[in-house]
Amino acid sequence: MSTSSMAVDAHPPAPKLVLDEFIGTAISSTPQELHPFFESFRTLHTRKLWHQLTLKLFAFVEHPLSKPFRVDVFERFVTDFESKMNQLRLVELGVKVSKEIDNPQTHLTFLTSLLTRINKETSPEAYILLYANIAHAKLLYGDLEGTKADMDEAWKILDSVESVENGVNAAYYGVAADYYKAKAEYAPYYRNSLLYLACVDPSTDMTVEERLGRAHDLGISALLGDTIYNFGELLMHPILDALDGTPFEWIKRLLFTFNEGSIGKFEALAPLLPQEPILQENYPFLRQKICLMALIESVFKRSADNRTMNFTTIAEETRLPIDEVEHLVMKALSLKLIRGSMDQVDQKAQITWVQPRVLSRQQIGGLAKRLESWVNKLNLVEQRIAPEMLASA
């Protein structure tokens, strides 16, 4: 068993397994620490204990010394009984093993060959997982068109099954997020990245560097996404804690600033934008976005019977020239951030609804005060009508 086999295409099909010959060759050419694995392989294969053999194979590929021998074991040993294995576990094993293949074409050939041996009808989860990983491999090799085609194929199956394991969902949403990141499409990246995080445990399934990178990219996409005006799910997610104590911590503060619609805090953080050139390049968009968020916050702070605002008030709240207020309100209406009507003649906007969003502690405090005021008004009404009710009784 040699490491050179990784560099060649192992398809055509492997010759039929001669178990004792395979085990003998493996033991003579691998480190002593791996020998117990091969002895177990012999015993479990002979006894046809496929589940236990699968578990032992996963333990083998997790052993650091097995790295140069994983492809050979899969091609020469696992393929002999792969039809007896749980097909999802087979694909998971194959994906792990494929990471040892450096040659792009050989890597893809390995995965696509395995795909031809998976039954889409009886093992849809395995098929989705493998398609997602093929898409990811194509993405790494720069084939964006091929990546999208395989993503679409995986989604067709994923969308048709009732439920799948988290790992399968994570594989699909992970490659979808990476694809949209490569395309610099912020809103789809944001959506798929959050769905990916919903399928994994960041504390155990991601390294510190991966958590930091994901939090950074999510922050940038939230700020630059032209349809993202509700950061609630991200602000509540522990992934943002990865930014704490790093040079990117200010991005976390900036996200909360946008959620609060605080133009003053935005202007205080603006000098840091050149640290992220993509944000600096999009400063005009960010400025418009914070003005929209400030408008939402201004409406939200008002009671339901006090949401008719003149343009002068909106200009003060958003720090815009009064002649730009009409465009801002129209933008907010078109984005469905608010509902209502606008009177250009009287220069007034009547707001009937504002988009729900996650509140900061300060915003919750303001809401509590409004609820308290509302309760007090109800008490006054009750006190006024109670004598009349008693008299009529």
Protein backbone atom coordinates (compact mmCIF):
# COMPACT_ATOMS: atom_id res chain seq x y z
CA MET A 1 0.00 0.00 0.00
CA SER A 2 1.70 3.20 -1.14
CA THR A 3 0.88 6.88 -0.96
CA SER A 4 1.54 7.26 -4.69
CA SER A 5 -1.83 5.71 -5.47
CA MET A 6 -3.46 8.98 -4.42
CA ALA A 7 -2.07 10.71 -7.48
CA VAL A 8 -3.62 8.37 -10.01
CA ASP A 9 -7.16 7.78 -11.09
CA ALA A 10 -8.31 4.71 -9.19
CA HIS A 11 -11.16 4.06 -11.62
CA PRO A 12 -11.41 1.50 -13.50
CA PRO A 13 -13.03 -0.62 -10.82
CA ALA A 14 -10.76 -2.19 -8.24
CA PRO A 15 -10.09 -5.92 -8.60
CA LYS A 16 -12.08 -8.25 -6.36
CA LEU A 17 -10.87 -8.18 -2.79
CA VAL A 18 -8.69 -11.00 -1.52
CA LEU A 19 -9.07 -10.20 2.16
CA ASP A 20 -5.98 -11.92 3.62
CA GLU A 21 -3.79 -10.54 0.85
CA PHE A 22 -5.09 -6.99 1.40
CA ILE A 23 -4.65 -7.16 5.18
CA GLY A 24 -1.16 -8.69 4.88
CA THR A 25 -0.01 -5.99 2.46
CA ALA A 26 -1.52 -3.26 4.64
CA ILE A 27 0.17 -4.49 7.81
CA SER A 28 3.53 -4.76 6.08
CA SER A 29 3.39 -1.21 4.69
CA THR A 30 1.74 0.88 7.41
CA PRO A 31 2.89 2.12 10.85
CA GLN A 32 2.49 -0.29 13.73
CA GLU A 33 -0.08 2.01 15.39
CA LEU A 34 -2.49 1.24 12.53
CA HIS A 35 -2.15 -2.55 12.62
CA PRO A 36 -4.99 -3.11 15.14
CA PHE A 37 -7.35 -1.40 12.72
CA PHE A 38 -6.51 -3.84 9.94
CA GLU A 39 -6.86 -6.84 12.23
CA SER A 40 -10.31 -5.54 13.18
CA PHE A 41 -11.14 -5.02 9.51
CA ARG A 42 -10.34 -8.69 8.86
CA THR A 43 -12.45 -9.95 11.75
CA LEU A 44 -15.47 -7.73 11.14
CA HIS A 45 -15.46 -8.34 7.38
CA THR A 46 -15.23 -12.10 7.86
CA ARG A 47 -18.13 -12.01 10.32
CA LYS A 48 -20.10 -9.64 8.04
CA LEU A 49 -20.62 -7.13 10.84
CA TRP A 50 -21.07 -4.20 8.47
CA HIS A 51 -22.24 -1.62 11.00
CA GLN A 52 -19.34 -2.28 13.36
CA LEU A 53 -16.96 -2.31 10.40
CA THR A 54 -18.30 1.09 9.33
CA LEU A 55 -17.62 2.52 12.79
CA LYS A 56 -14.10 1.09 12.75
CA LEU A 57 -13.45 2.64 9.33
CA PHE A 58 -14.48 6.08 10.63
CA ALA A 59 -12.13 5.63 13.59
CA PHE A 60 -9.38 4.69 11.13
CA VAL A 61 -9.79 7.80 8.95
CA GLU A 62 -9.78 9.99 12.07
CA HIS A 63 -6.38 8.62 13.10
CA PRO A 64 -3.69 11.11 12.00
CA LEU A 65 -1.29 8.38 10.84
CA SER A 66 -3.90 6.98 8.43
CA LYS A 67 -3.79 10.05 6.23
CA PRO A 68 -1.54 8.65 3.43
CA PHE A 69 -3.46 5.36 3.30
CA ARG A 70 -7.11 6.44 3.35
CA VAL A 71 -7.69 6.45 -0.41
CA ASP A 72 -6.15 2.99 -0.84
CA VAL A 73 -8.29 1.56 1.96
CA PHE A 74 -11.43 3.01 0.42
CA GLU A 75 -10.65 1.91 -3.15
CA ARG A 76 -9.26 -1.53 -2.40
CA PHE A 77 -11.32 -2.50 0.65
CA VAL A 78 -14.48 -0.44 1.17
CA THR A 79 -15.68 -0.71 -2.43
CA ASP A 80 -15.90 -4.49 -1.98
CA PHE A 81 -18.78 -4.25 0.50
CA GLU A 82 -20.08 -0.69 0.01
CA SER A 83 -23.52 -1.94 -1.02
CA LYS A 84 -23.87 -3.53 2.44
CA MET A 85 -23.19 -0.21 4.22
CA ASN A 86 -25.61 2.50 5.18
CA GLN A 87 -25.35 4.66 2.06
CA LEU A 88 -25.26 7.98 3.93
CA ARG A 89 -22.38 6.73 6.08
CA LEU A 90 -20.66 5.47 2.92
CA VAL A 91 -20.84 8.93 1.35
CA GLU A 92 -19.67 10.60 4.56
CA LEU A 93 -16.68 8.27 4.57
CA GLY A 94 -16.00 8.85 0.89
CA VAL A 95 -16.11 12.63 1.31
CA LYS A 96 -13.60 12.45 4.18
CA VAL A 97 -11.31 10.24 2.16
CA SER A 98 -11.55 12.40 -0.96
CA LYS A 99 -9.92 15.33 0.88
CA GLU A 100 -6.62 13.46 0.63
CA ILE A 101 -6.68 13.66 -3.18
CA ASP A 102 -4.75 16.70 -4.35
CA ASN A 103 -5.33 16.46 -8.09
CA PRO A 104 -8.55 18.34 -8.96
CA GLN A 105 -9.62 16.05 -11.79
CA THR A 106 -8.90 12.91 -9.78
CA HIS A 107 -10.77 14.37 -6.83
CA LEU A 108 -13.85 15.05 -8.92
CA THR A 109 -13.61 11.66 -10.65
CA PHE A 110 -13.50 9.95 -7.24
CA LEU A 111 -16.66 11.74 -6.08
CA THR A 112 -18.61 11.44 -9.33
CA SER A 113 -17.76 7.75 -9.60
CA LEU A 114 -19.16 7.23 -6.10
CA LEU A 115 -22.28 9.17 -7.13
CA THR A 116 -22.99 6.67 -9.92
CA ARG A 117 -23.08 3.94 -7.28
CA ILE A 118 -25.64 5.68 -5.03
CA ASN A 119 -29.34 5.08 -5.65
CA LYS A 120 -31.13 8.45 -5.67
CA GLU A 121 -34.53 6.90 -4.99
CA THR A 122 -33.62 4.71 -2.02
CA SER A 123 -30.86 6.90 -0.55
CA PRO A 124 -31.80 10.55 -1.23
CA GLU A 125 -29.84 11.89 1.74
CA ALA A 126 -26.63 10.25 0.55
CA TYR A 127 -27.25 11.58 -2.94
CA ILE A 128 -27.81 15.16 -1.72
CA LEU A 129 -24.72 15.06 0.49
CA LEU A 130 -22.54 13.79 -2.33
CA TYR A 131 -23.93 16.27 -4.88
CA ALA A 132 -23.29 19.13 -2.44
CA ASN A 133 -19.70 18.02 -1.98
CA ILE A 134 -19.18 17.69 -5.73
CA ALA A 135 -20.51 21.24 -6.06
CA HIS A 136 -18.08 22.40 -3.39
CA ALA A 137 -15.16 20.73 -5.13
CA LYS A 138 -16.07 22.47 -8.39
CA LEU A 139 -16.30 25.78 -6.52
CA LEU A 140 -12.80 25.29 -5.12
CA TYR A 141 -11.53 24.64 -8.64
CA GLY A 142 -13.22 27.78 -10.01
CA ASP A 143 -16.10 26.16 -11.91
CA LEU A 144 -18.93 28.46 -10.79
CA GLU A 145 -21.31 27.32 -13.52
CA GLY A 146 -20.81 23.66 -12.61
CA THR A 147 -21.22 24.49 -8.93
CA LYS A 148 -24.59 26.16 -9.52
CA ALA A 149 -25.82 23.29 -11.68
CA ASP A 150 -24.96 20.74 -8.97
CA MET A 151 -26.46 22.96 -6.25
CA ASP A 152 -29.70 23.11 -8.21
CA GLU A 153 -29.73 19.33 -8.63
CA ALA A 154 -29.12 18.81 -4.91
CA TRP A 155 -31.87 21.31 -4.04
CA LYS A 156 -34.43 19.50 -6.22
CA ILE A 157 -33.97 16.37 -4.14
CA LEU A 158 -33.64 18.22 -0.81
CA ASP A 159 -36.86 20.10 -1.47
CA SER A 160 -38.72 16.87 -2.22
CA VAL A 161 -37.87 14.91 0.94
CA GLU A 162 -39.61 15.48 4.25
CA SER A 163 -36.58 15.56 6.52
CA VAL A 164 -32.85 14.94 6.37
CA GLU A 165 -30.01 14.82 8.86
CA ASN A 166 -28.47 18.12 9.91
CA GLY A 167 -25.19 17.18 8.26
CA VAL A 168 -26.91 16.89 4.89
CA ASN A 169 -28.59 20.28 5.25
CA ALA A 170 -25.29 21.77 6.42
CA ALA A 171 -23.49 20.47 3.32
CA TYR A 172 -26.03 22.06 0.99
CA TYR A 173 -26.36 25.41 2.76
CA GLY A 174 -22.60 25.56 3.31
CA VAL A 175 -21.76 25.27 -0.38
CA ALA A 176 -24.64 27.60 -1.31
CA ALA A 177 -23.25 30.25 1.06
CA ASP A 178 -19.74 29.83 -0.35
CA TYR A 179 -21.07 30.09 -3.90
CA TYR A 180 -22.89 33.35 -3.22
CA LYS A 181 -19.85 34.69 -1.40
CA ALA A 182 -17.77 34.00 -4.52
CA LYS A 183 -20.43 35.83 -6.55
CA ALA A 184 -20.51 38.74 -4.04
CA GLU A 185 -24.29 38.35 -3.73
CA TYR A 186 -24.76 39.53 -0.16
CA ALA A 187 -28.41 38.74 0.59
CA PRO A 188 -28.35 35.10 -0.65
CA TYR A 189 -25.04 34.58 1.18
CA TYR A 190 -26.55 35.98 4.39
CA ARG A 191 -29.64 33.76 4.14
CA ASN A 192 -27.79 30.53 3.29
CA SER A 193 -25.05 31.17 5.83
CA LEU A 194 -27.57 31.55 8.65
CA LEU A 195 -29.30 28.35 7.49
CA TYR A 196 -25.91 26.62 7.56
CA LEU A 197 -25.31 27.79 11.12
CA ALA A 198 -28.74 26.44 12.11
CA CYS A 199 -27.51 22.96 11.09
CA VAL A 200 -24.19 22.92 12.98
CA ASP A 201 -22.86 23.60 16.46
CA PRO A 202 -20.29 26.35 15.90
CA SER A 203 -18.56 25.61 19.20
CA THR A 204 -17.71 22.04 18.17
CA ASP A 205 -18.12 21.85 14.39
CA MET A 206 -16.12 24.98 13.51
CA THR A 207 -12.59 26.09 14.37
CA VAL A 208 -11.92 29.47 15.96
CA GLU A 209 -10.73 30.77 12.57
CA GLU A 210 -13.87 29.45 10.84
CA ARG A 211 -16.15 31.09 13.42
CA LEU A 212 -14.32 34.40 13.06
CA GLY A 213 -14.45 34.25 9.26
CA ARG A 214 -18.14 33.36 9.23
CA ALA A 215 -19.03 36.13 11.70
CA HIS A 216 -17.02 38.66 9.69
CA ASP A 217 -18.59 37.68 6.36
CA LEU A 218 -22.10 37.63 7.82
CA GLY A 219 -21.56 41.11 9.25
CA ILE A 220 -20.37 42.49 5.93
CA SER A 221 -23.23 40.85 4.02
CA ALA A 222 -25.82 42.15 6.51
CA LEU A 223 -24.51 45.68 6.08
CA LEU A 224 -24.25 45.56 2.28
CA GLY A 225 -27.30 43.43 1.46
CA ASP A 226 -29.74 45.70 -0.33
CA THR A 227 -32.76 43.75 0.97
CA ILE A 228 -31.51 43.14 4.52
CA TYR A 229 -32.95 45.60 7.01
CA ASN A 230 -33.67 43.17 9.82
CA PHE A 231 -30.52 41.85 11.50
CA GLY A 232 -32.40 40.16 14.32
CA GLU A 233 -31.45 36.54 13.66
CA LEU A 234 -27.77 37.47 13.33
CA LEU A 235 -27.72 39.75 16.37
CA MET A 236 -29.14 36.95 18.52
CA HIS A 237 -26.72 34.33 17.18
CA PRO A 238 -23.65 33.45 19.30
CA ILE A 239 -21.50 33.41 16.14
CA LEU A 240 -21.10 37.18 16.54
CA ASP A 241 -19.25 36.59 19.81
CA ALA A 242 -16.36 35.37 17.65
CA LEU A 243 -15.68 39.03 16.81
CA ASP A 244 -15.16 40.00 20.45
CA GLY A 245 -11.58 40.93 21.28
CA THR A 246 -10.52 40.89 17.60
CA PRO A 247 -9.68 43.71 15.17
CA PHE A 248 -13.20 43.19 13.73
CA GLU A 249 -15.10 43.85 16.96
CA TRP A 250 -16.19 47.24 15.62
CA ILE A 251 -18.21 45.44 12.91
CA LYS A 252 -20.35 43.93 15.67
CA ARG A 253 -20.89 47.39 17.16
CA LEU A 254 -21.77 48.69 13.70
CA LEU A 255 -24.43 45.99 13.26
CA PHE A 256 -26.10 46.94 16.55
CA THR A 257 -25.83 50.60 15.55
CA PHE A 258 -27.74 49.92 12.34
CA ASN A 259 -30.34 47.88 14.19
CA GLU A 260 -30.90 50.82 16.54
CA GLY A 261 -31.01 53.30 13.66
CA SER A 262 -28.51 55.49 15.50
CA ILE A 263 -26.98 57.95 13.04
CA GLY A 264 -24.82 59.48 15.79
CA LYS A 265 -23.20 56.13 16.58
CA PHE A 266 -22.79 55.44 12.86
CA GLU A 267 -20.93 58.70 12.36
CA ALA A 268 -18.72 57.87 15.34
CA LEU A 269 -17.81 54.50 13.79
CA ALA A 270 -17.46 55.83 10.21
CA PRO A 271 -13.70 56.55 10.59
CA LEU A 272 -13.17 52.78 10.96
CA LEU A 273 -14.79 51.94 7.61
CA PRO A 274 -11.50 52.21 5.64
CA GLN A 275 -10.35 49.10 7.55
CA GLU A 276 -12.85 47.23 5.35
CA PRO A 277 -12.40 48.71 1.83
CA ILE A 278 -15.65 47.13 0.61
CA LEU A 279 -17.57 49.10 3.25
CA GLN A 280 -15.73 52.31 2.47
CA GLU A 281 -16.48 51.88 -1.23
CA ASN A 282 -20.16 51.51 -0.41
CA TYR A 283 -20.37 54.43 2.02
CA PRO A 284 -23.22 56.19 0.12
CA PHE A 285 -25.32 53.01 0.32
CA LEU A 286 -24.52 52.57 4.02
CA ARG A 287 -25.47 56.19 4.67
CA GLN A 288 -28.84 55.68 2.97
CA LYS A 289 -29.35 52.44 4.87
CA ILE A 290 -28.71 54.01 8.29
CA CYS A 291 -31.14 56.81 7.36
CA LEU A 292 -33.78 54.20 6.55
CA MET A 293 -33.09 52.43 9.83
CA ALA A 294 -33.32 55.77 11.66
CA LEU A 295 -36.72 56.37 10.03
CA ILE A 296 -37.92 52.93 11.15
CA GLU A 297 -36.71 53.60 14.69
CA SER A 298 -38.35 57.03 14.73
CA VAL A 299 -41.70 55.50 13.72
CA PHE A 300 -41.30 52.60 16.14
CA LYS A 301 -40.74 54.93 19.10
CA ARG A 302 -44.07 56.66 18.48
CA SER A 303 -47.41 55.47 19.73
CA ALA A 304 -49.85 54.08 17.19
CA ASP A 305 -51.94 57.27 17.31
CA ASN A 306 -48.93 59.52 16.71
CA ARG A 307 -47.44 58.22 13.48
CA THR A 308 -48.24 61.08 11.16
CA MET A 309 -44.87 62.78 10.70
CA ASN A 310 -44.10 65.95 8.81
CA PHE A 311 -41.06 66.08 6.56
CA THR A 312 -39.27 68.48 8.92
CA THR A 313 -39.42 65.96 11.76
CA ILE A 314 -38.20 63.15 9.51
CA ALA A 315 -35.34 65.37 8.29
CA GLU A 316 -34.29 66.01 11.89
CA GLU A 317 -34.51 62.32 12.85
CA THR A 318 -32.53 61.15 9.80
CA ARG A 319 -30.21 64.17 9.51
CA LEU A 320 -31.15 64.61 5.87
CA PRO A 321 -31.90 67.80 3.94
CA ILE A 322 -35.67 68.26 3.81
CA ASP A 323 -35.68 67.95 0.00
CA GLU A 324 -34.38 64.35 0.32
CA VAL A 325 -37.05 63.20 2.76
CA GLU A 326 -39.67 62.36 0.15
CA HIS A 327 -37.26 60.04 -1.67
CA LEU A 328 -36.32 58.35 1.63
CA VAL A 329 -39.95 57.68 2.54
CA MET A 330 -40.67 56.35 -0.95
CA LYS A 331 -37.65 54.05 -0.64
CA ALA A 332 -38.86 52.75 2.73
CA LEU A 333 -42.33 52.12 1.28
CA SER A 334 -40.93 50.32 -1.78
CA LEU A 335 -38.76 48.08 0.41
CA LYS A 336 -41.85 47.32 2.56
CA LEU A 337 -40.05 48.57 5.66
CA ILE A 338 -43.11 50.67 6.43
CA ARG A 339 -46.68 50.94 5.20
CA GLY A 340 -48.71 54.07 4.90
CA SER A 341 -49.24 57.06 2.66
CA MET A 342 -47.48 60.29 1.84
CA ASP A 343 -48.86 63.78 1.16
CA GLN A 344 -46.30 65.69 -0.91
CA VAL A 345 -48.36 68.89 -0.79
CA ASP A 346 -48.61 69.06 3.01
CA GLN A 347 -45.22 67.34 3.31
CA LYS A 348 -46.47 64.68 5.68
CA ALA A 349 -46.17 60.88 5.90
CA GLN A 350 -48.79 58.78 7.67
CA ILE A 351 -47.27 55.48 8.80
CA THR A 352 -49.63 52.62 9.65
CA TRP A 353 -47.14 49.77 10.10
CA VAL A 354 -43.41 49.27 10.63
CA GLN A 355 -41.38 46.12 9.94
CA PRO A 356 -40.94 43.98 13.09
CA ARG A 357 -37.36 43.51 14.27
CA VAL A 358 -35.22 42.44 17.21
CA LEU A 359 -34.93 45.12 19.88
CA SER A 360 -31.93 46.20 21.92
CA ARG A 361 -32.30 46.56 25.69
CA GLN A 362 -32.70 50.30 25.26
CA GLN A 363 -35.46 49.76 22.68
CA ILE A 364 -37.18 47.23 24.96
CA GLY A 365 -37.06 49.83 27.73
CA GLY A 366 -38.79 52.33 25.46
CA LEU A 367 -41.41 49.75 24.53
CA ALA A 368 -42.02 48.99 28.21
CA LYS A 369 -42.65 52.68 28.90
CA ARG A 370 -45.17 52.84 26.06
CA LEU A 371 -46.95 49.75 27.37
CA GLU A 372 -47.01 51.31 30.84
CA SER A 373 -48.54 54.48 29.39
CA TRP A 374 -51.13 52.40 27.55
CA VAL A 375 -52.05 50.51 30.73
CA ASN A 376 -52.40 53.81 32.61
CA LYS A 377 -54.76 55.11 29.92
CA LEU A 378 -56.86 51.93 30.22
CA ASN A 379 -56.99 52.40 34.00
CA LEU A 380 -58.24 55.97 33.57
CA VAL A 381 -60.93 54.78 31.18
CA GLU A 382 -61.93 52.07 33.65
CA GLN A 383 -62.11 54.56 36.51
CA ARG A 384 -64.30 56.86 34.43
CA ILE A 385 -66.80 54.27 33.28
CA ALA A 386 -66.92 52.10 36.42
CA PRO A 387 -69.43 54.35 38.30
CA GLU A 388 -71.66 54.43 35.23
CA MET A 389 -71.58 50.65 34.97
CA LEU A 390 -72.45 50.25 38.68
CA ALA A 391 -75.30 52.80 38.40
CA SER A 392 -76.83 51.02 35.41
CA ALA A 393 -76.56 47.69 37.20
